Protein backbone atom coordinates (compact mmCIF):
# COMPACT_ATOMS: atom_id res chain seq x y z
CA UNK A 1 -30.70 63.16 22.72
CA UNK A 2 -30.44 66.67 21.34
CA UNK A 3 -27.25 68.55 22.05
CA UNK A 4 -27.36 71.25 24.68
CA UNK A 5 -24.50 72.98 22.88
CA UNK A 6 -24.72 74.89 19.59
CA UNK A 7 -22.62 72.40 17.63
CA UNK A 8 -22.25 74.30 14.32
CA UNK A 9 -21.04 77.42 16.13
CA UNK A 10 -18.25 75.76 18.12
CA UNK A 11 -14.87 75.76 16.37
CA UNK A 12 -12.40 76.33 19.24
CA UNK A 13 -12.52 74.19 22.38
CA UNK A 14 -10.37 74.29 25.51
CA UNK A 15 -10.44 71.17 27.73
CA UNK A 16 -9.23 71.56 31.32
CA UNK A 17 -7.99 68.40 33.06
CA UNK A 18 -4.76 69.34 34.80
CA UNK A 19 -4.15 66.09 36.66
CA UNK A 20 -0.78 64.34 37.03
CA UNK A 21 -1.50 60.63 36.70
CA UNK A 22 -1.18 58.35 33.71
CA UNK A 23 -4.53 56.84 34.67
CA UNK A 24 -6.11 60.29 35.04
CA UNK A 25 -5.23 61.00 31.43
CA UNK A 26 -6.00 57.62 29.88
CA UNK A 27 -9.42 57.51 31.54
CA UNK A 28 -10.34 60.74 29.74
CA UNK A 29 -9.79 59.27 26.27
CA UNK A 30 -13.33 57.89 25.75
CA UNK A 31 -14.81 61.30 26.61
CA UNK A 32 -12.34 63.00 24.27
CA UNK A 33 -13.39 60.52 21.58
CA UNK A 34 -17.00 61.63 22.03
CA UNK A 35 -15.98 65.30 21.88
CA UNK A 36 -14.01 64.77 18.67
CA UNK A 37 -16.88 62.85 17.11
CA UNK A 38 -19.22 65.74 17.87
CA UNK A 39 -16.78 68.37 16.60
CA UNK A 40 -14.58 66.69 13.97
CA UNK A 41 -13.30 69.99 12.57
CA UNK A 42 -12.88 71.89 15.83
CA UNK A 43 -9.48 72.93 17.17
CA UNK A 44 -9.26 71.17 20.54
CA UNK A 45 -6.72 72.48 23.06
CA UNK A 46 -5.82 70.52 26.19
CA UNK A 47 -4.78 72.37 29.35
CA UNK A 48 -2.60 69.94 31.32
CA UNK A 49 0.06 69.82 33.98
CA UNK A 50 3.68 70.43 32.94
CA UNK A 51 5.23 67.02 32.47
CA UNK A 52 2.20 65.57 30.69
CA UNK A 53 3.01 66.98 27.27
CA UNK A 54 3.28 63.41 25.99
CA UNK A 55 -0.51 63.12 26.17
CA UNK A 56 -1.08 65.81 23.57
CA UNK A 57 1.75 64.46 21.43
CA UNK A 58 0.47 60.89 21.47
CA UNK A 59 -3.25 61.54 21.02
CA UNK A 60 -3.00 63.83 18.03
CA UNK A 61 -6.18 62.38 16.56
CA UNK A 62 -8.07 63.83 19.54
CA UNK A 63 -6.00 66.87 20.61
CA UNK A 64 -4.69 69.64 18.36
CA UNK A 65 -2.76 71.69 20.91
CA UNK A 66 -1.41 71.24 24.44
CA UNK A 67 -0.95 74.10 26.93
CA UNK A 68 0.62 74.06 30.43
CA UNK A 69 -1.59 74.70 33.44
CA UNK A 70 -0.20 77.74 35.34
CA UNK A 71 -1.59 76.77 38.73
CA UNK A 72 -4.46 78.16 40.79
CA UNK A 73 -5.07 78.59 44.54
CA UNK A 74 -6.49 75.46 46.12
CA UNK A 75 -5.00 73.15 43.49
CA UNK A 76 -1.72 71.66 44.76
CA UNK A 77 -0.11 70.94 41.40
CA UNK A 78 1.42 73.50 39.09
CA UNK A 79 1.31 76.65 41.24
CA UNK A 80 3.98 79.16 40.14
CA UNK A 81 2.71 82.40 41.60
CA UNK A 82 -0.20 84.83 41.15
CA UNK A 83 1.22 86.93 38.33
CA UNK A 84 1.85 83.93 36.09
CA UNK A 85 -1.74 82.78 36.57
CA UNK A 86 -3.13 86.27 35.95
CA UNK A 87 -1.08 86.64 32.76
CA UNK A 88 -2.11 83.20 31.57
CA UNK A 89 -5.80 83.92 32.11
CA UNK A 90 -5.50 87.13 30.12
CA UNK A 91 -3.75 85.26 27.33
CA UNK A 92 -6.50 82.63 27.13
CA UNK A 93 -9.27 85.23 27.27
CA UNK A 94 -7.76 86.70 24.11
CA UNK A 95 -8.03 83.32 22.37
CA UNK A 96 -11.83 83.62 22.45
CA UNK A 97 -12.68 79.95 22.85
CA UNK A 98 -16.18 78.94 21.87
CA UNK A 99 -16.25 76.30 24.60
CA UNK A 100 -14.20 75.80 27.77
CA UNK A 101 -14.86 72.31 29.11
CA UNK A 102 -14.05 71.36 32.70
CA UNK A 103 -13.15 67.64 32.92
CA UNK A 104 -10.84 68.17 35.90
CA UNK A 105 -13.15 66.93 38.64
CA UNK A 106 -15.91 68.08 40.97
CA UNK A 107 -15.25 71.75 40.20
CA UNK A 108 -14.88 72.90 43.79
CA UNK A 109 -11.56 74.67 43.08
CA UNK A 110 -11.28 74.57 39.29
CA UNK A 111 -14.60 76.18 38.29
CA UNK A 112 -13.60 79.72 39.38
CA UNK A 113 -10.43 79.27 37.33
CA UNK A 114 -12.47 78.08 34.35
CA UNK A 115 -14.59 81.22 34.50
CA UNK A 116 -11.46 83.39 34.43
CA UNK A 117 -10.44 81.77 31.13
CA UNK A 118 -13.41 83.25 29.33
CA UNK A 119 -15.08 81.27 26.58
CA UNK A 120 -18.46 81.90 25.02
CA UNK A 121 -19.82 78.69 26.54
CA UNK A 122 -18.60 76.92 29.67
CA UNK A 123 -19.44 73.35 30.62
CA UNK A 124 -18.35 70.73 33.11
CA UNK A 125 -19.04 69.39 36.59
CA UNK A 126 -20.08 71.17 39.77
CA UNK A 127 -20.87 70.23 43.35
CA UNK A 128 -24.45 71.07 44.39
CA UNK A 129 -24.37 73.98 46.79
CA UNK A 130 -21.05 75.22 45.37
CA UNK A 131 -20.22 77.63 42.54
CA UNK A 132 -21.77 76.63 39.21
CA UNK A 133 -20.79 78.80 36.20
CA UNK A 134 -23.85 77.83 34.14
CA UNK A 135 -26.58 75.43 35.32
CA UNK A 136 -27.56 74.68 31.72
CA UNK A 137 -24.17 73.17 30.89
CA UNK A 138 -22.86 71.92 34.27
CA UNK A 139 -23.63 68.45 35.57
CA UNK A 140 -23.74 67.63 39.31
CA UNK A 141 -20.56 65.66 39.90
CA UNK A 142 -21.34 61.90 40.00
CA UNK A 143 -20.51 60.31 43.33
CA UNK A 144 -20.47 56.77 41.96
CA UNK A 145 -19.28 54.93 38.87
CA UNK A 146 -15.95 54.49 37.15
CA UNK A 147 -13.82 57.48 36.16
CA UNK A 148 -14.47 56.67 32.51
CA UNK A 149 -18.22 56.58 33.05
CA UNK A 150 -18.26 59.82 35.05
CA UNK A 151 -16.61 61.69 32.19
CA UNK A 152 -18.86 60.03 29.62
CA UNK A 153 -21.88 61.02 31.73
CA UNK A 154 -20.87 64.62 31.15
CA UNK A 155 -20.66 64.09 27.40
CA UNK A 156 -24.12 62.49 27.35
CA UNK A 157 -25.50 65.28 29.56
CA UNK A 158 -24.28 67.76 26.94
CA UNK A 159 -25.90 65.70 24.19
CA UNK A 160 -22.64 64.54 22.60
CA UNK A 161 -22.44 61.13 20.89
CA UNK A 162 -22.20 57.85 22.77
CA UNK A 163 -18.86 56.18 22.20
CA UNK A 164 -16.81 53.17 23.22
CA UNK A 165 -15.73 53.04 26.87
CA UNK A 166 -12.49 51.31 25.85
CA UNK A 167 -9.14 52.94 26.60
CA UNK A 168 -6.46 53.21 23.95
CA UNK A 169 -2.75 53.90 23.73
CA UNK A 170 -1.42 54.55 20.20
CA UNK A 171 2.13 53.54 19.29
CA UNK A 172 4.19 54.57 16.30
CA UNK A 173 6.25 52.14 14.30
CA UNK A 174 9.57 53.58 15.50
CA UNK A 175 8.89 53.01 19.20
CA UNK A 176 7.20 49.69 18.55
CA UNK A 177 10.32 48.39 16.83
CA UNK A 178 12.46 49.77 19.68
CA UNK A 179 10.27 47.87 22.12
CA UNK A 180 10.71 44.66 20.18
CA UNK A 181 14.48 45.14 20.33
CA UNK A 182 14.17 45.47 24.11
CA UNK A 183 12.38 42.12 24.25
CA UNK A 184 15.04 40.55 22.06
CA UNK A 185 17.88 41.98 24.17
CA UNK A 186 16.49 40.20 27.25
CA UNK A 187 15.41 37.02 25.43
CA UNK A 188 11.75 37.71 26.17
CA UNK A 189 9.30 35.75 24.06
CA UNK A 190 5.88 37.39 23.51
CA UNK A 191 3.25 35.73 25.65
CA UNK A 192 5.81 33.92 27.80
CA UNK A 193 6.65 36.37 30.58
CA UNK A 194 4.85 38.12 33.43
CA UNK A 195 5.30 41.79 34.33
CA UNK A 196 5.31 42.76 38.01
CA UNK A 197 5.01 46.45 38.81
CA UNK A 198 5.35 46.93 42.60
CA UNK A 199 5.31 50.73 42.69
CA UNK A 200 2.54 53.33 42.76
CA UNK A 201 2.53 57.12 42.53
CA UNK A 202 1.01 57.31 46.02
CA UNK A 203 2.76 55.25 48.68
CA UNK A 204 -0.47 54.28 50.45
CA UNK A 205 -1.60 52.52 47.28
CA UNK A 206 1.40 50.19 47.32
CA UNK A 207 0.74 46.65 48.37
CA UNK A 208 3.51 45.27 50.58
CA UNK A 209 6.83 44.46 48.96
CA UNK A 210 6.71 41.12 50.78
CA UNK A 211 3.47 40.31 49.04
CA UNK A 212 4.95 40.96 45.60
CA UNK A 213 8.01 38.90 46.51
CA UNK A 214 5.86 35.94 47.57
CA UNK A 215 3.79 36.07 44.38
CA UNK A 216 6.86 36.50 42.17
CA UNK A 217 8.66 33.63 43.91
CA UNK A 218 5.72 31.27 43.43
CA UNK A 219 5.31 32.14 39.76
CA UNK A 220 9.05 31.94 39.09
CA UNK A 221 9.24 28.52 40.76
CA UNK A 222 6.56 27.34 38.34
CA UNK A 223 8.78 28.31 35.42
CA UNK A 224 7.30 31.70 34.57
CA UNK A 225 9.74 34.39 33.45
CA UNK A 226 9.37 37.46 35.67
CA UNK A 227 9.96 41.00 34.40
CA UNK A 228 10.08 43.78 37.00
CA UNK A 229 9.00 47.25 35.88
CA UNK A 230 8.85 50.65 37.56
CA UNK A 231 9.87 54.27 37.30
CA UNK A 232 13.36 55.49 38.17
CA UNK A 233 12.04 56.46 41.63
CA UNK A 234 10.79 52.89 42.09
CA UNK A 235 14.07 51.23 41.19
CA UNK A 236 14.74 50.38 44.85
CA UNK A 237 11.53 48.33 44.93
CA UNK A 238 12.40 46.30 41.85
CA UNK A 239 15.97 45.86 43.17
CA UNK A 240 14.64 44.40 46.43
CA UNK A 241 12.46 41.90 44.62
CA UNK A 242 15.24 40.99 42.19
CA UNK A 243 17.68 40.23 45.03
CA UNK A 244 15.13 38.12 46.91
CA UNK A 245 14.32 36.09 43.79
CA UNK A 246 17.96 35.30 43.13
CA UNK A 247 17.79 31.70 44.29
CA UNK A 248 19.30 28.47 42.95
CA UNK A 249 17.03 26.73 40.48
CA UNK A 250 14.81 29.79 39.92
CA UNK A 251 15.10 31.80 36.68
CA UNK A 252 16.55 35.24 37.34
CA UNK A 253 14.01 38.04 36.88
CA UNK A 254 14.61 40.76 34.32
CA UNK A 255 14.85 43.98 36.30
CA UNK A 256 13.79 46.90 34.08
CA UNK A 257 12.88 49.29 36.90
CA UNK A 258 13.75 52.82 35.78
CA UNK A 259 15.02 51.58 32.42
CA UNK A 260 12.04 51.96 30.11
CA UNK A 261 10.40 54.97 28.55
CA UNK A 262 6.61 54.98 28.25
CA UNK A 263 6.69 53.67 24.68
CA UNK A 264 9.05 50.78 25.44
CA UNK A 265 7.07 49.91 28.56
CA UNK A 266 3.91 49.80 26.46
CA UNK A 267 5.40 47.34 23.98
CA UNK A 268 6.70 45.24 26.87
CA UNK A 269 3.24 45.18 28.45
CA UNK A 270 1.44 44.52 25.21
CA UNK A 271 3.29 41.26 24.70
CA UNK A 272 3.22 40.10 28.34
CA UNK A 273 1.14 37.09 29.31
CA UNK A 274 0.09 38.90 32.48
CA UNK A 275 0.54 42.10 34.48
CA UNK A 276 0.43 42.15 38.29
CA UNK A 277 0.39 45.65 39.76
CA UNK A 278 -1.07 48.09 42.24
CA UNK A 279 -3.91 50.46 41.51
CA UNK A 280 -1.80 52.96 39.63
CA UNK A 281 -1.31 54.30 36.12
CA UNK A 282 0.13 51.09 34.71
CA UNK A 283 -3.13 49.25 35.42
CA UNK A 284 -4.89 51.64 33.00
CA UNK A 285 -2.07 51.26 30.50
CA UNK A 286 -2.51 47.49 30.70
CA UNK A 287 -6.25 47.94 30.13
CA UNK A 288 -5.60 50.14 27.10
CA UNK A 289 -3.24 47.51 25.68
CA UNK A 290 -5.64 44.62 26.51
CA UNK A 291 -3.02 42.88 28.65
CA UNK A 292 -4.56 40.48 31.23
CA UNK A 293 -3.92 41.83 34.70
CA UNK A 294 -4.37 41.37 38.43
CA UNK A 295 -4.67 44.74 40.17
CA UNK A 296 -4.19 44.96 43.95
CA UNK A 297 -6.15 47.72 45.70
CA UNK A 298 -4.84 49.01 49.02
CA UNK A 299 -6.12 52.56 49.49
CA UNK A 300 -8.37 53.77 46.70
CA UNK A 301 -11.91 53.57 45.33
CA UNK A 302 -12.05 50.24 43.52
CA UNK A 303 -15.34 51.03 41.80
CA UNK A 304 -13.93 54.25 40.40
CA UNK A 305 -10.47 53.11 39.31
CA UNK A 306 -10.58 49.38 38.53
CA UNK A 307 -10.28 48.41 34.85
CA UNK A 308 -13.74 47.92 33.41
CA UNK A 309 -13.33 44.50 31.79
CA UNK A 310 -13.49 42.20 34.84
CA UNK A 311 -12.91 39.08 32.75
CA UNK A 312 -9.53 40.22 31.47
CA UNK A 313 -8.61 42.38 34.49
CA UNK A 314 -9.05 40.96 37.99
CA UNK A 315 -9.12 42.98 41.19
CA UNK A 316 -7.95 41.97 44.67
CA UNK A 317 -8.70 44.16 47.69
CA UNK A 318 -5.82 43.79 50.14
CA UNK A 319 -7.85 45.65 52.78
CA UNK A 320 -10.32 42.79 52.89
CA UNK A 321 -8.01 39.89 52.07
CA UNK A 322 -5.24 40.82 54.53
CA UNK A 323 -2.66 38.04 54.83
CA UNK A 324 -4.57 36.01 52.24
CA UNK A 325 -3.86 38.60 49.52
CA UNK A 326 -0.89 36.71 47.94
CA UNK A 327 -2.99 33.55 47.67
CA UNK A 328 -5.87 35.46 46.08
CA UNK A 329 -3.53 37.18 43.63
CA UNK A 330 -2.10 33.80 42.65
CA UNK A 331 -5.56 32.28 42.15
CA UNK A 332 -6.47 35.08 39.75
CA UNK A 333 -3.08 34.93 38.04
CA UNK A 334 -3.32 31.18 37.46
CA UNK A 335 -6.86 31.57 36.10
CA UNK A 336 -5.75 34.21 33.61
CA UNK A 337 -2.61 32.32 32.61
CA UNK A 338 -4.74 29.25 31.94
CA UNK A 339 -7.08 31.20 29.68
CA UNK A 340 -6.39 31.24 25.95
CA UNK A 341 -4.75 34.48 24.86
CA UNK A 342 -6.00 36.43 21.92
CA UNK A 343 -3.73 35.70 18.93
CA UNK A 344 -4.54 39.15 17.63
CA UNK A 345 -3.17 40.84 20.77
CA UNK A 346 0.04 38.81 20.86
CA UNK A 347 0.90 38.67 17.18
CA UNK A 348 -0.42 41.74 15.45
CA UNK A 349 1.30 45.08 15.72
CA UNK A 350 -0.68 47.74 17.54
CA UNK A 351 -2.62 50.29 15.61
CA UNK A 352 0.02 52.73 14.43
CA UNK A 353 -0.03 56.43 13.87
CA UNK A 354 2.26 57.85 11.27
CA UNK A 355 5.43 59.42 12.59
CA UNK A 356 4.41 62.65 10.92
CA UNK A 357 1.11 62.87 12.81
CA UNK A 358 2.75 61.72 16.06
CA UNK A 359 5.17 64.60 15.97
CA UNK A 360 2.59 67.24 15.15
């Protein structure tokens, strides 16, 4: 398919995806991979929410510069006031981007903002019947398909190269070794523990704490080592499970809620035999690290957000299963635990970036 965009003429690209979630960012990696393949020498700038700087720092092979989103009316995150947004738009207009690419979403609120940023060419999604900056370069927003596929549909619409749908999460040697020390400190043997992550960024997406406790208790009683993970805000959840699992004859869980940075958590996940979690960012991190997982859906679009490899990553819909959800989670968990693990995933170090490039 011929490119709709004038590839030789594009040297400066601004990508707009100012979303807060770990999954929101990781799901954009395949599309970024396609963009980089099409423009290997271009300077690619990412416009993201404050607090997501790590994405630009970690994916330096795909992103050259990270800028903070100033906020815009109608978009709940990042708003700081009108003058800051006006000043920011003027600043970006002066950068004279060859392409401003909207990967934020349907475009209902973000497309007017995109237009204010300037750029010789503008591309992205739009909702039919709503504002479309340029019909030649804007794709009607897909209403079905996974998040990864929706973004790749845009790349293919623009005539950019097809690429792998796989997620990735690069680690550097320094944080990988720190993660191994974390395993050693808690006597965790690679491939011989299960991570349970009971939290979610949106409360409605959290399966019941009782459900996690029942699953954890069953697995612990069968001799599996349980590791509880979560953010600092989710520490109360991991504490509740830890207390309830403190029973005679059952191995104590390792409670790491609020005690791991993203790099250490990634190493911990990479060497886990299994991850059990809600539909939240860690499910996408597990997919990127090729960790077998059971993901419980409670209030989100399973088709859009479930990991794509359904052999390695199983999904359970608590809305349909109801009280049978723990049993269904355990069936999937036992099936995955009985499957042979990939020696490459459990023994080899992850693909490393040099510390110099990581810090760029």
